[in-house]
Protein backbone atom coordinates (compact mmCIF):
# COMPACT_ATOMS: atom_id res chain seq x y z
CA MET A 1 -44.07 -7.25 -13.26
CA THR A 2 -41.40 -4.62 -13.75
CA SER A 3 -37.79 -5.63 -13.59
CA SER A 4 -35.12 -3.70 -11.76
CA PRO A 5 -31.97 -2.60 -13.60
CA ASP A 6 -30.07 -4.04 -10.60
CA ALA A 7 -30.43 -7.78 -11.14
CA PHE A 8 -28.07 -8.54 -8.24
CA ARG A 9 -29.81 -6.47 -5.54
CA THR A 10 -31.11 -9.55 -3.73
CA HIS A 11 -27.83 -11.51 -3.82
CA ALA A 12 -25.93 -11.79 -0.55
CA PRO A 13 -22.40 -10.37 -0.77
CA THR A 14 -19.42 -12.66 -0.23
CA PRO A 15 -15.68 -11.98 -0.27
CA GLY A 16 -15.57 -13.23 -3.87
CA THR A 17 -18.44 -11.20 -5.30
CA PRO A 18 -17.67 -8.03 -7.25
CA ALA A 19 -17.76 -4.71 -5.45
CA ARG A 20 -20.98 -2.67 -5.59
CA ALA A 21 -19.40 0.61 -4.51
CA ALA A 22 -16.17 2.42 -5.36
CA TRP A 23 -14.72 5.73 -4.19
CA PRO A 24 -11.37 7.53 -4.37
CA VAL A 25 -9.06 7.16 -1.38
CA THR A 26 -7.10 10.01 0.16
CA PRO A 27 -4.40 8.34 2.27
CA ALA A 28 -4.53 9.50 5.90
CA ASP A 29 -2.56 8.34 8.93
CA GLU A 30 -5.40 8.81 11.44
CA THR A 31 -8.60 8.12 9.49
CA ASP A 32 -10.16 4.71 8.80
CA LEU A 33 -11.99 4.02 5.56
CA SER A 34 -15.74 4.03 6.07
CA PRO A 35 -16.82 1.44 5.27
CA TYR A 36 -13.68 -0.68 5.26
CA ALA A 37 -12.63 -1.64 1.74
CA LYS A 38 -13.19 -5.12 0.37
CA ALA A 39 -10.23 -4.50 -1.94
CA LEU A 40 -8.25 -1.59 -3.34
CA TYR A 41 -7.29 -0.57 -6.85
CA VAL A 42 -3.98 1.21 -7.46
CA GLY A 43 -4.01 3.42 -10.55
CA THR A 44 -0.41 4.67 -10.36
CA ALA A 45 2.27 2.25 -9.15
CA GLY A 46 4.23 2.84 -5.96
CA ASP A 47 4.44 1.83 -2.30
CA LEU A 48 1.12 1.25 -0.57
CA THR A 49 1.00 1.33 3.23
CA LEU A 50 -2.21 0.05 4.78
CA ILE A 51 -3.74 -1.45 7.89
CA PRO A 52 -5.70 -4.63 7.07
CA ALA A 53 -9.29 -4.87 8.31
CA GLY A 54 -8.32 -7.66 10.71
CA GLY A 55 -5.08 -6.20 12.02
CA ALA A 56 -3.59 -3.30 13.92
CA GLU A 57 -0.13 -3.18 12.35
CA ALA A 58 0.57 -1.29 9.15
CA VAL A 59 2.14 -3.17 6.25
CA THR A 60 3.80 -1.71 3.19
CA LEU A 61 3.39 -3.33 -0.19
CA LYS A 62 6.59 -2.17 -1.87
CA ASN A 63 6.51 -1.14 -5.52
CA HIS A 64 2.91 -2.27 -6.01
CA PRO A 65 2.06 -2.27 -9.72
CA VAL A 66 -1.09 -0.82 -11.22
CA GLY A 67 -3.90 -3.21 -10.37
CA TYR A 68 -5.99 -4.70 -7.60
CA VAL A 69 -4.96 -5.34 -4.00
CA ALA A 70 -6.86 -8.34 -2.65
CA VAL A 71 -6.71 -7.24 1.00
CA GLN A 72 -9.63 -5.98 3.05
CA ALA A 73 -8.31 -2.62 4.22
CA ARG A 74 -9.20 -0.56 7.28
CA ARG A 75 -6.88 2.37 6.52
CA VAL A 76 -4.53 3.59 3.80
CA LEU A 77 -1.76 5.58 5.42
CA ALA A 78 -0.25 8.73 3.95
CA THR A 79 3.10 7.93 5.56
CA GLY A 80 4.86 5.42 3.36
CA THR A 81 2.35 5.54 0.50
CA THR A 82 3.70 6.74 -2.84
CA ALA A 83 1.12 4.95 -5.00
CA GLU A 84 -1.57 7.23 -6.38
CA ASP A 85 -5.06 7.11 -7.86
CA ILE A 86 -6.18 4.62 -5.20
CA VAL A 87 -9.79 3.47 -5.26
CA ALA A 88 -11.58 1.60 -2.45
CA LEU A 89 -14.02 -1.14 -3.44
CA SER A 90 -16.79 -2.34 -1.14
CA GLU A 91 -20.35 -3.65 -0.93
């Protein structure tokens, strides 16, 4: 029997499991993330304006430090976002 290098391939994802995919985010006022992000990582501190996966209203996280944002995000808006080096994390 050969083993796969991906030992977690058969595990069902949950909100608490680590992300299996990551990609850079270009903030955009009219474009949703695809797929929605399970969480975000901010590489350069600043304001982060996003629309949560379960909401329609944008919220701004003022002066967000470098680190993780534990919010499932549908969109990261260009308007109001000064944070940089944003990475989306997902399944």
